[in-house]
């Protein structure tokens, strides 16, 4: 949540120094980061307090540890997460193609 909030603040400062399409893109990013921050905060509050320390330790792990498998099955709907990740990846690719077309037409 800290990293997302830091990103919001960073891009809010940057949006003041740009205009046009860049400003629109920055505002869209800020909005998306705001939604992510809100969802992360909501999800954090839905975690059983007895699991919060263990889940917080996952942040330092480079790979998903075996000791956390019970937490994964308790809190993560893998099918829904995979579908959401795919949808987001497709949206990012579509936006990238649109941006590339916009740049090449100017």
PDB file of N, CA and C in Angstrom:
ATOM      1  N   UNK A   1       0.829  -1.184   0.000  1.00  0.00           N
ATOM      2  CA  UNK A   1       0.000   0.000   0.000  1.00  0.00           C
ATOM      3  C   UNK A   1       0.875   1.249   0.000  1.00  0.00           C
ATOM      4  N   UNK A   2       1.992   1.162   0.701  1.00  0.00           N
ATOM      5  CA  UNK A   2       2.913   2.301   0.739  1.00  0.00           C
ATOM      6  C   UNK A   2       3.407   2.632  -0.662  1.00  0.00           C
ATOM      7  N   UNK A   3       3.818   1.609  -1.397  1.00  0.00           N
ATOM      8  CA  UNK A   3       4.355   1.827  -2.745  1.00  0.00           C
ATOM      9  C   UNK A   3       3.297   2.426  -3.667  1.00  0.00           C
ATOM     10  N   UNK A   4       2.079   1.963  -3.570  1.00  0.00           N
ATOM     11  CA  UNK A   4       1.018   2.499  -4.420  1.00  0.00           C
ATOM     12  C   UNK A   4       0.744   3.959  -4.061  1.00  0.00           C
ATOM     13  N   UNK A   5       0.669   4.251  -2.773  1.00  0.00           N
ATOM     14  CA  UNK A   5       0.415   5.637  -2.354  1.00  0.00           C
ATOM     15  C   UNK A   5       1.570   6.546  -2.774  1.00  0.00           C
ATOM     16  N   UNK A   6       2.806   6.047  -2.665  1.00  0.00           N
ATOM     17  CA  UNK A   6       3.961   6.820  -3.109  1.00  0.00           C
ATOM     18  C   UNK A   6       3.841   7.115  -4.602  1.00  0.00           C
ATOM     19  N   UNK A   7       3.440   6.114  -5.375  1.00  0.00           N
ATOM     20  CA  UNK A   7       3.260   6.300  -6.812  1.00  0.00           C
ATOM     21  C   UNK A   7       2.197   7.345  -7.122  1.00  0.00           C
ATOM     22  N   UNK A   8       1.113   7.337  -6.384  1.00  0.00           N
ATOM     23  CA  UNK A   8       0.060   8.335  -6.581  1.00  0.00           C
ATOM     24  C   UNK A   8       0.625   9.734  -6.369  1.00  0.00           C
ATOM     25  N   UNK A   9       1.331   9.915  -5.272  1.00  0.00           N
ATOM     26  CA  UNK A   9       1.888  11.231  -4.972  1.00  0.00           C
ATOM     27  C   UNK A   9       2.905  11.659  -6.034  1.00  0.00           C
ATOM     28  N   UNK A  10       3.733  10.724  -6.488  1.00  0.00           N
ATOM     29  CA  UNK A  10       4.731  11.019  -7.517  1.00  0.00           C
ATOM     30  C   UNK A  10       4.056  11.521  -8.792  1.00  0.00           C
ATOM     31  N   UNK A  11       3.042  10.785  -9.270  1.00  0.00           N
ATOM     32  CA  UNK A  11       2.392  11.149 -10.525  1.00  0.00           C
ATOM     33  C   UNK A  11       1.529  12.394 -10.376  1.00  0.00           C
ATOM     34  N   UNK A  12       0.988  12.649  -9.181  1.00  0.00           N
ATOM     35  CA  UNK A  12       0.244  13.887  -8.978  1.00  0.00           C
ATOM     36  C   UNK A  12       1.165  15.095  -9.145  1.00  0.00           C
ATOM     37  N   UNK A  13       2.400  14.990  -8.676  1.00  0.00           N
ATOM     38  CA  UNK A  13       3.370  16.078  -8.862  1.00  0.00           C
ATOM     39  C   UNK A  13       3.739  16.227 -10.333  1.00  0.00           C
ATOM     40  N   UNK A  14       3.913  15.114 -11.017  1.00  0.00           N
ATOM     41  CA  UNK A  14       4.312  15.142 -12.432  1.00  0.00           C
ATOM     42  C   UNK A  14       3.216  15.699 -13.334  1.00  0.00           C
ATOM     43  N   UNK A  15       1.959  15.421 -13.026  1.00  0.00           N
ATOM     44  CA  UNK A  15       0.855  15.846 -13.892  1.00  0.00           C
ATOM     45  C   UNK A  15       0.778  17.369 -13.963  1.00  0.00           C
ATOM     46  N   UNK A  16       1.275  18.046 -12.939  1.00  0.00           N
ATOM     47  CA  UNK A  16       1.240  19.508 -12.928  1.00  0.00           C
ATOM     48  C   UNK A  16       2.186  20.112 -13.964  1.00  0.00           C
ATOM     49  N   UNK A  17       3.179  19.353 -14.397  1.00  0.00           N
ATOM     50  CA  UNK A  17       4.185  19.890 -15.315  1.00  0.00           C
ATOM     51  C   UNK A  17       3.975  19.474 -16.773  1.00  0.00           C
ATOM     52  N   UNK A  18       2.869  18.807 -17.070  1.00  0.00           N
ATOM     53  CA  UNK A  18       2.603  18.370 -18.447  1.00  0.00           C
ATOM     54  C   UNK A  18       1.220  18.828 -18.874  1.00  0.00           C
ATOM     55  N   UNK A  19       0.952  18.663 -20.151  1.00  0.00           N
ATOM     56  CA  UNK A  19      -0.373  19.016 -20.664  1.00  0.00           C
ATOM     57  C   UNK A  19      -0.753  18.038 -21.773  1.00  0.00           C
ATOM     58  N   UNK A  20      -1.929  18.217 -22.294  1.00  0.00           N
ATOM     59  CA  UNK A  20      -2.384  17.407 -23.420  1.00  0.00           C
ATOM     60  C   UNK A  20      -2.553  15.934 -23.086  1.00  0.00           C
ATOM     61  N   UNK A  21      -2.139  15.090 -24.036  1.00  0.00           N
ATOM     62  CA  UNK A  21      -2.303  13.642 -23.886  1.00  0.00           C
ATOM     63  C   UNK A  21      -1.524  13.098 -22.695  1.00  0.00           C
ATOM     64  N   UNK A  22      -0.357  13.685 -22.425  1.00  0.00           N
ATOM     65  CA  UNK A  22       0.419  13.209 -21.281  1.00  0.00           C
ATOM     66  C   UNK A  22      -0.338  13.447 -19.978  1.00  0.00           C
ATOM     67  N   UNK A  23      -0.946  14.612 -19.845  1.00  0.00           N
ATOM     68  CA  UNK A  23      -1.715  14.918 -18.641  1.00  0.00           C
ATOM     69  C   UNK A  23      -2.897  13.962 -18.495  1.00  0.00           C
ATOM     70  N   UNK A  24      -3.556  13.685 -19.617  1.00  0.00           N
ATOM     71  CA  UNK A  24      -4.687  12.742 -19.584  1.00  0.00           C
ATOM     72  C   UNK A  24      -4.205  11.358 -19.140  1.00  0.00           C
ATOM     73  N   UNK A  25      -3.086  10.899 -19.700  1.00  0.00           N
ATOM     74  CA  UNK A  25      -2.545   9.582 -19.341  1.00  0.00           C
ATOM     75  C   UNK A  25      -2.142   9.551 -17.876  1.00  0.00           C
ATOM     76  N   UNK A  26      -1.508  10.619 -17.379  1.00  0.00           N
ATOM     77  CA  UNK A  26      -1.094  10.668 -15.974  1.00  0.00           C
ATOM     78  C   UNK A  26      -2.316  10.637 -15.058  1.00  0.00           C
ATOM     79  N   UNK A  27      -3.355  11.381 -15.414  1.00  0.00           N
ATOM     80  CA  UNK A  27      -4.563  11.388 -14.577  1.00  0.00           C
ATOM     81  C   UNK A  27      -5.232  10.010 -14.565  1.00  0.00           C
ATOM     82  N   UNK A  28      -5.202   9.346 -15.717  1.00  0.00           N
ATOM     83  CA  UNK A  28      -5.765   7.999 -15.785  1.00  0.00           C
ATOM     84  C   UNK A  28      -4.961   7.051 -14.881  1.00  0.00           C
ATOM     85  N   UNK A  29      -3.645   7.190 -14.919  1.00  0.00           N
ATOM     86  CA  UNK A  29      -2.779   6.374 -14.061  1.00  0.00           C
ATOM     87  C   UNK A  29      -3.049   6.666 -12.594  1.00  0.00           C
ATOM     88  N   UNK A  30      -3.163   7.932 -12.242  1.00  0.00           N
ATOM     89  CA  UNK A  30      -3.434   8.319 -10.855  1.00  0.00           C
ATOM     90  C   UNK A  30      -4.752   7.709 -10.391  1.00  0.00           C
ATOM     91  N   UNK A  31      -5.762   7.764 -11.249  1.00  0.00           N
ATOM     92  CA  UNK A  31      -7.061   7.185 -10.912  1.00  0.00           C
ATOM     93  C   UNK A  31      -6.950   5.675 -10.683  1.00  0.00           C
ATOM     94  N   UNK A  32      -6.224   4.997 -11.569  1.00  0.00           N
ATOM     95  CA  UNK A  32      -6.050   3.543 -11.432  1.00  0.00           C
ATOM     96  C   UNK A  32      -5.291   3.200 -10.159  1.00  0.00           C
ATOM     97  N   UNK A  33      -4.249   3.972  -9.867  1.00  0.00           N
ATOM     98  CA  UNK A  33      -3.495   3.731  -8.635  1.00  0.00           C
ATOM     99  C   UNK A  33      -4.359   3.983  -7.403  1.00  0.00           C
ATOM    100  N   UNK A  34      -5.232   4.982  -7.480  1.00  0.00           N
ATOM    101  CA  UNK A  34      -6.144   5.255  -6.366  1.00  0.00           C
ATOM    102  C   UNK A  34      -7.087   4.094  -6.116  1.00  0.00           C
ATOM    103  N   UNK A  35      -7.585   3.508  -7.196  1.00  0.00           N
ATOM    104  CA  UNK A  35      -8.461   2.343  -7.060  1.00  0.00           C
ATOM    105  C   UNK A  35      -7.681   1.178  -6.463  1.00  0.00           C
ATOM    106  N   UNK A  36      -6.447   0.972  -6.954  1.00  0.00           N
ATOM    107  CA  UNK A  36      -5.623  -0.118  -6.408  1.00  0.00           C
ATOM    108  C   UNK A  36      -5.369   0.094  -4.925  1.00  0.00           C
ATOM    109  N   UNK A  37      -5.079   1.328  -4.536  1.00  0.00           N
ATOM    110  CA  UNK A  37      -4.824   1.629  -3.123  1.00  0.00           C
ATOM    111  C   UNK A  37      -6.052   1.308  -2.274  1.00  0.00           C
ATOM    112  N   UNK A  38      -7.213   1.717  -2.744  1.00  0.00           N
ATOM    113  CA  UNK A  38      -8.455   1.465  -2.007  1.00  0.00           C
ATOM    114  C   UNK A  38      -8.722  -0.036  -1.882  1.00  0.00           C
ATOM    115  N   UNK A  39      -8.521  -0.769  -2.979  1.00  0.00           N
ATOM    116  CA  UNK A  39      -8.756  -2.215  -2.934  1.00  0.00           C
ATOM    117  C   UNK A  39      -7.755  -2.921  -2.022  1.00  0.00           C
ATOM    118  N   UNK A  40      -6.502  -2.488  -2.071  1.00  0.00           N
ATOM    119  CA  UNK A  40      -5.508  -3.085  -1.183  1.00  0.00           C
ATOM    120  C   UNK A  40      -5.861  -2.835   0.280  1.00  0.00           C
ATOM    121  N   UNK A  41      -6.277  -1.612   0.581  1.00  0.00           N
ATOM    122  CA  UNK A  41      -6.655  -1.281   1.958  1.00  0.00           C
ATOM    123  C   UNK A  41      -7.860  -2.124   2.388  1.00  0.00           C
ATOM    124  N   UNK A  42      -8.834  -2.252   1.508  1.00  0.00           N
ATOM    125  CA  UNK A  42     -10.013  -3.065   1.827  1.00  0.00           C
ATOM    126  C   UNK A  42      -9.624  -4.515   2.063  1.00  0.00           C
ATOM    127  N   UNK A  43      -8.802  -5.050   1.143  1.00  0.00           N
ATOM    128  CA  UNK A  43      -8.388  -6.446   1.279  1.00  0.00           C
ATOM    129  C   UNK A  43      -7.594  -6.669   2.559  1.00  0.00           C
ATOM    130  N   UNK A  44      -6.745  -5.710   2.920  1.00  0.00           N
ATOM    131  CA  UNK A  44      -5.948  -5.848   4.136  1.00  0.00           C
ATOM    132  C   UNK A  44      -6.850  -5.944   5.353  1.00  0.00           C
ATOM    133  N   UNK A  45      -7.935  -5.170   5.373  1.00  0.00           N
ATOM    134  CA  UNK A  45      -8.838  -5.187   6.514  1.00  0.00           C
ATOM    135  C   UNK A  45      -9.681  -6.452   6.570  1.00  0.00           C
ATOM    136  N   UNK A  46      -9.786  -7.148   5.447  1.00  0.00           N
ATOM    137  CA  UNK A  46     -10.545  -8.397   5.422  1.00  0.00           C
ATOM    138  C   UNK A  46      -9.713  -9.589   5.885  1.00  0.00           C
ATOM    139  N   UNK A  47      -8.419  -9.392   6.078  1.00  0.00           N
ATOM    140  CA  UNK A  47      -7.547 -10.481   6.521  1.00  0.00           C
ATOM    141  C   UNK A  47      -7.719 -10.692   8.018  1.00  0.00           C
ATOM    142  N   UNK A  48      -7.808 -11.938   8.402  1.00  0.00           N
ATOM    143  CA  UNK A  48      -7.897 -12.289   9.816  1.00  0.00           C
ATOM    144  C   UNK A  48      -6.691 -11.691  10.540  1.00  0.00           C
ATOM    145  N   UNK A  49      -6.915 -10.958  11.629  1.00  0.00           N
ATOM    146  CA  UNK A  49      -5.795 -10.330  12.343  1.00  0.00           C
ATOM    147  C   UNK A  49      -4.674 -11.304  12.713  1.00  0.00           C
ATOM    148  N   UNK A  50      -5.016 -12.561  12.950  1.00  0.00           N
ATOM    149  CA  UNK A  50      -3.985 -13.537  13.318  1.00  0.00           C
ATOM    150  C   UNK A  50      -3.086 -13.907  12.131  1.00  0.00           C
ATOM    151  N   UNK A  51      -3.516 -13.574  10.901  1.00  0.00           N
ATOM    152  CA  UNK A  51      -2.731 -13.878   9.704  1.00  0.00           C
ATOM    153  C   UNK A  51      -1.920 -12.683   9.192  1.00  0.00           C
ATOM    154  N   UNK A  52      -2.174 -11.501   9.713  1.00  0.00           N
ATOM    155  CA  UNK A  52      -1.567 -10.286   9.145  1.00  0.00           C
ATOM    156  C   UNK A  52      -0.045 -10.277   9.226  1.00  0.00           C
ATOM    157  N   UNK A  53       0.528 -10.723  10.334  1.00  0.00           N
ATOM    158  CA  UNK A  53       1.998 -10.729  10.439  1.00  0.00           C
ATOM    159  C   UNK A  53       2.618 -11.640   9.384  1.00  0.00           C
ATOM    160  N   UNK A  54       2.041 -12.831   9.220  1.00  0.00           N
ATOM    161  CA  UNK A  54       2.575 -13.771   8.236  1.00  0.00           C
ATOM    162  C   UNK A  54       2.431 -13.214   6.824  1.00  0.00           C
ATOM    163  N   UNK A  55       1.304 -12.609   6.524  1.00  0.00           N
ATOM    164  CA  UNK A  55       1.094 -12.054   5.195  1.00  0.00           C
ATOM    165  C   UNK A  55       2.044 -10.887   4.954  1.00  0.00           C
ATOM    166  N   UNK A  56       2.260 -10.075   5.965  1.00  0.00           N
ATOM    167  CA  UNK A  56       3.203  -8.963   5.818  1.00  0.00           C
ATOM    168  C   UNK A  56       4.612  -9.472   5.518  1.00  0.00           C
ATOM    169  N   UNK A  57       5.001 -10.614   6.072  1.00  0.00           N
ATOM    170  CA  UNK A  57       6.329 -11.188   5.821  1.00  0.00           C
ATOM    171  C   UNK A  57       6.485 -11.647   4.373  1.00  0.00           C
ATOM    172  N   UNK A  58       5.387 -11.922   3.696  1.00  0.00           N
ATOM    173  CA  UNK A  58       5.456 -12.353   2.297  1.00  0.00           C
ATOM    174  C   UNK A  58       6.081 -11.277   1.413  1.00  0.00           C
ATOM    175  N   UNK A  59       5.960 -10.032   1.811  1.00  0.00           N
ATOM    176  CA  UNK A  59       6.512  -8.923   1.034  1.00  0.00           C
ATOM    177  C   UNK A  59       8.018  -9.073   0.827  1.00  0.00           C
ATOM    178  N   UNK A  60       8.703  -9.678   1.782  1.00  0.00           N
ATOM    179  CA  UNK A  60      10.158  -9.828   1.697  1.00  0.00           C
ATOM    180  C   UNK A  60      10.584 -11.091   0.938  1.00  0.00           C
ATOM    181  N   UNK A  61       9.631 -11.927   0.575  1.00  0.00           N
ATOM    182  CA  UNK A  61       9.953 -13.191  -0.092  1.00  0.00           C
ATOM    183  C   UNK A  61      10.102 -12.997  -1.597  1.00  0.00           C
ATOM    184  N   UNK A  62      11.152 -13.594  -2.150  1.00  0.00           N
ATOM    185  CA  UNK A  62      11.355 -13.519  -3.597  1.00  0.00           C
ATOM    186  C   UNK A  62      10.486 -14.542  -4.327  1.00  0.00           C
ATOM    187  N   UNK A  63      10.188 -15.625  -3.681  1.00  0.00           N
ATOM    188  CA  UNK A  63       9.314 -16.657  -4.228  1.00  0.00           C
ATOM    189  C   UNK A  63       8.271 -16.982  -3.172  1.00  0.00           C
ATOM    190  N   UNK A  64       7.162 -17.564  -3.611  1.00  0.00           N
ATOM    191  CA  UNK A  64       6.102 -17.901  -2.656  1.00  0.00           C
ATOM    192  C   UNK A  64       6.551 -19.078  -1.801  1.00  0.00           C
ATOM    193  N   UNK A  65       6.653 -18.894  -0.485  1.00  0.00           N
ATOM    194  CA  UNK A  65       7.166 -19.950   0.392  1.00  0.00           C
ATOM    195  C   UNK A  65       6.111 -21.011   0.721  1.00  0.00           C
ATOM    196  N   UNK A  66       6.573 -22.201   0.959  1.00  0.00           N
ATOM    197  CA  UNK A  66       5.679 -23.315   1.290  1.00  0.00           C
ATOM    198  C   UNK A  66       4.880 -23.032   2.558  1.00  0.00           C
ATOM    199  N   UNK A  67       5.499 -22.324   3.523  1.00  0.00           N
ATOM    200  CA  UNK A  67       4.796 -22.067   4.781  1.00  0.00           C
ATOM    201  C   UNK A  67       3.556 -21.193   4.600  1.00  0.00           C
ATOM    202  N   UNK A  68       3.437 -20.536   3.462  1.00  0.00           N
ATOM    203  CA  UNK A  68       2.307 -19.631   3.249  1.00  0.00           C
ATOM    204  C   UNK A  68       1.210 -20.233   2.367  1.00  0.00           C
ATOM    205  N   UNK A  69       1.340 -21.493   1.994  1.00  0.00           N
ATOM    206  CA  UNK A  69       0.336 -22.099   1.114  1.00  0.00           C
ATOM    207  C   UNK A  69      -1.070 -22.069   1.714  1.00  0.00           C
ATOM    208  N   UNK A  70      -1.168 -22.257   3.017  1.00  0.00           N
ATOM    209  CA  UNK A  70      -2.498 -22.218   3.642  1.00  0.00           C
ATOM    210  C   UNK A  70      -3.112 -20.816   3.538  1.00  0.00           C
ATOM    211  N   UNK A  71      -2.270 -19.793   3.612  1.00  0.00           N
ATOM    212  CA  UNK A  71      -2.766 -18.420   3.467  1.00  0.00           C
ATOM    213  C   UNK A  71      -3.225 -18.162   2.032  1.00  0.00           C
ATOM    214  N   UNK A  72      -2.464 -18.712   1.098  1.00  0.00           N
ATOM    215  CA  UNK A  72      -2.808 -18.539  -0.322  1.00  0.00           C
ATOM    216  C   UNK A  72      -4.184 -19.134  -0.611  1.00  0.00           C
ATOM    217  N   UNK A  73      -4.417 -20.331  -0.143  1.00  0.00           N
ATOM    218  CA  UNK A  73      -5.704 -20.967  -0.416  1.00  0.00           C
ATOM    219  C   UNK A  73      -6.836 -20.294   0.358  1.00  0.00           C
ATOM    220  N   UNK A  74      -6.510 -19.684   1.480  1.00  0.00           N
ATOM    221  CA  UNK A  74      -7.526 -19.021   2.303  1.00  0.00           C
ATOM    222  C   UNK A  74      -7.959 -17.679   1.707  1.00  0.00           C
ATOM    223  N   UNK A  75      -7.002 -16.934   1.122  1.00  0.00           N
ATOM    224  CA  UNK A  75      -7.291 -15.565   0.708  1.00  0.00           C
ATOM    225  C   UNK A  75      -7.275 -15.311  -0.793  1.00  0.00           C
ATOM    226  N   UNK A  76      -6.763 -16.238  -1.584  1.00  0.00           N
ATOM    227  CA  UNK A  76      -6.617 -15.965  -3.009  1.00  0.00           C
ATOM    228  C   UNK A  76      -7.446 -16.928  -3.840  1.00  0.00           C
ATOM    229  N   UNK A  77      -8.314 -16.369  -4.641  1.00  0.00           N
ATOM    230  CA  UNK A  77      -9.066 -17.148  -5.610  1.00  0.00           C
ATOM    231  C   UNK A  77      -8.215 -17.129  -6.879  1.00  0.00           C
ATOM    232  N   UNK A  78      -7.456 -18.192  -7.096  1.00  0.00           N
ATOM    233  CA  UNK A  78      -6.486 -18.194  -8.192  1.00  0.00           C
ATOM    234  C   UNK A  78      -7.136 -18.012  -9.557  1.00  0.00           C
ATOM    235  N   UNK A  79      -8.296 -18.605  -9.774  1.00  0.00           N
ATOM    236  CA  UNK A  79      -8.957 -18.455 -11.077  1.00  0.00           C
ATOM    237  C   UNK A  79      -9.334 -16.994 -11.302  1.00  0.00           C
ATOM    238  N   UNK A  80      -9.940 -16.370 -10.308  1.00  0.00           N
ATOM    239  CA  UNK A  80     -10.336 -14.967 -10.440  1.00  0.00           C
ATOM    240  C   UNK A  80      -9.108 -14.073 -10.604  1.00  0.00           C
ATOM    241  N   UNK A  81      -8.050 -14.354  -9.858  1.00  0.00           N
ATOM    242  CA  UNK A  81      -6.823 -13.551  -9.960  1.00  0.00           C
ATOM    243  C   UNK A  81      -6.194 -13.688 -11.343  1.00  0.00           C
ATOM    244  N   UNK A  82      -6.175 -14.904 -11.871  1.00  0.00           N
ATOM    245  CA  UNK A  82      -5.616 -15.124 -13.208  1.00  0.00           C
ATOM    246  C   UNK A  82      -6.433 -14.413 -14.275  1.00  0.00           C
ATOM    247  N   UNK A  83      -7.750 -14.490 -14.158  1.00  0.00           N
ATOM    248  CA  UNK A  83      -8.618 -13.815 -15.126  1.00  0.00           C
ATOM    249  C   UNK A  83      -8.435 -12.300 -15.054  1.00  0.00           C
ATOM    250  N   UNK A  84      -8.328 -11.778 -13.840  1.00  0.00           N
ATOM    251  CA  UNK A  84      -8.128 -10.339 -13.669  1.00  0.00           C
ATOM    252  C   UNK A  84      -6.772  -9.906 -14.238  1.00  0.00           C
ATOM    253  N   UNK A  85      -5.740 -10.698 -13.974  1.00  0.00           N
ATOM    254  CA  UNK A  85      -4.408 -10.385 -14.499  1.00  0.00           C
ATOM    255  C   UNK A  85      -4.417 -10.406 -16.024  1.00  0.00           C
ATOM    256  N   UNK A  86      -5.102 -11.364 -16.617  1.00  0.00           N
ATOM    257  CA  UNK A  86      -5.202 -11.435 -18.078  1.00  0.00           C
ATOM    258  C   UNK A  86      -5.938 -10.222 -18.635  1.00  0.00           C
ATOM    259  N   UNK A  87      -7.041  -9.864 -18.021  1.00  0.00           N
ATOM    260  CA  UNK A  87      -7.804  -8.699 -18.464  1.00  0.00           C
ATOM    261  C   UNK A  87      -6.958  -7.432 -18.399  1.00  0.00           C
ATOM    262  N   UNK A  88      -6.224  -7.275 -17.307  1.00  0.00           N
ATOM    263  CA  UNK A  88      -5.370  -6.094 -17.149  1.00  0.00           C
ATOM    264  C   UNK A  88      -4.242  -6.109 -18.175  1.00  0.00           C
ATOM    265  N   UNK A  89      -3.622  -7.264 -18.388  1.00  0.00           N
ATOM    266  CA  UNK A  89      -2.537  -7.370 -19.362  1.00  0.00           C
ATOM    267  C   UNK A  89      -3.035  -7.011 -20.762  1.00  0.00           C
ATOM    268  N   UNK A  90      -4.212  -7.486 -21.113  1.00  0.00           N
ATOM    269  CA  UNK A  90      -4.783  -7.154 -22.425  1.00  0.00           C
ATOM    270  C   UNK A  90      -5.062  -5.659 -22.539  1.00  0.00           C
ATOM    271  N   UNK A  91      -5.584  -5.062 -21.480  1.00  0.00           N
ATOM    272  CA  UNK A  91      -5.863  -3.628 -21.508  1.00  0.00           C
ATOM    273  C   UNK A  91      -4.583  -2.822 -21.663  1.00  0.00           C
ATOM    274  N   UNK A  92      -3.533  -3.240 -20.963  1.00  0.00           N
ATOM    275  CA  UNK A  92      -2.244  -2.557 -21.081  1.00  0.00           C
ATOM    276  C   UNK A  92      -1.722  -2.661 -22.513  1.00  0.00           C
ATOM    277  N   UNK A  93      -1.813  -3.840 -23.122  1.00  0.00           N
ATOM    278  CA  UNK A  93      -1.352  -4.005 -24.500  1.00  0.00           C
ATOM    279  C   UNK A  93      -2.171  -3.150 -25.461  1.00  0.00           C
ATOM    280  N   UNK A  94      -3.490  -3.112 -25.280  1.00  0.00           N
ATOM    281  CA  UNK A  94      -4.337  -2.287 -26.138  1.00  0.00           C
ATOM    282  C   UNK A  94      -3.980  -0.808 -25.991  1.00  0.00           C
ATOM    283  N   UNK A  95      -3.778  -0.362 -24.765  1.00  0.00           N
ATOM    284  CA  UNK A  95      -3.401   1.032 -24.528  1.00  0.00           C
ATOM    285  C   UNK A  95      -2.041   1.336 -25.160  1.00  0.00           C
ATOM    286  N   UNK A  96      -1.132   0.395 -25.068  1.00  0.00           N
ATOM    287  CA  UNK A  96       0.198   0.580 -25.646  1.00  0.00           C
ATOM    288  C   UNK A  96       0.112   0.721 -27.165  1.00  0.00           C
ATOM    289  N   UNK A  97      -0.701  -0.114 -27.800  1.00  0.00           N
ATOM    290  CA  UNK A  97      -0.882  -0.041 -29.253  1.00  0.00           C
ATOM    291  C   UNK A  97      -1.508   1.293 -29.629  1.00  0.00           C
ATOM    292  N   UNK A  98      -2.535   1.732 -28.893  1.00  0.00           N
ATOM    293  CA  UNK A  98      -3.162   3.030 -29.165  1.00  0.00           C
ATOM    294  C   UNK A  98      -2.149   4.162 -29.030  1.00  0.00           C
ATOM    295  N   UNK A  99      -1.337   4.113 -27.996  1.00  0.00           N
ATOM    296  CA  UNK A  99      -0.329   5.154 -27.770  1.00  0.00           C
ATOM    297  C   UNK A  99       0.709   5.148 -28.893  1.00  0.00           C
ATOM    298  N   UNK A 100       1.126   3.976 -29.314  1.00  0.00           N
ATOM    299  CA  UNK A 100       2.101   3.868 -30.408  1.00  0.00           C
ATOM    300  C   UNK A 100       1.514   4.427 -31.706  1.00  0.00           C
ATOM    301  N   UNK A 101       0.263   4.132 -31.981  1.00  0.00           N
ATOM    302  CA  UNK A 101      -0.404   4.671 -33.175  1.00  0.00           C
ATOM    303  C   UNK A 101      -0.504   6.192 -33.082  1.00  0.00           C
ATOM    304  N   UNK A 102      -0.817   6.692 -31.894  1.00  0.00           N
ATOM    305  CA  UNK A 102      -0.931   8.141 -31.716  1.00  0.00           C
ATOM    306  C   UNK A 102       0.413   8.806 -31.964  1.00  0.00           C
ATOM    307  N   UNK A 103       1.478   8.220 -31.435  1.00  0.00           N
ATOM    308  CA  UNK A 103       2.819   8.787 -31.630  1.00  0.00           C
ATOM    309  C   UNK A 103       3.238   8.757 -33.100  1.00  0.00           C
ATOM    310  N   UNK A 104       2.935   7.672 -33.778  1.00  0.00           N
ATOM    311  CA  UNK A 104       3.361   7.560 -35.177  1.00  0.00           C
ATOM    312  C   UNK A 104       2.546   8.463 -36.109  1.00  0.00           C
ATOM    313  N   UNK A 105       1.361   8.866 -35.683  1.00  0.00           N
ATOM    314  CA  UNK A 105       0.540   9.737 -36.527  1.00  0.00           C
ATOM    315  C   UNK A 105       0.873  11.213 -36.337  1.00  0.00           C
ATOM    316  N   UNK A 106       1.667  11.540 -35.348  1.00  0.00           N
ATOM    317  CA  UNK A 106       2.020  12.954 -35.123  1.00  0.00           C
ATOM    318  C   UNK A 106       3.371  13.302 -35.671  1.00  0.00           C
TER     319      UNK A 106
END
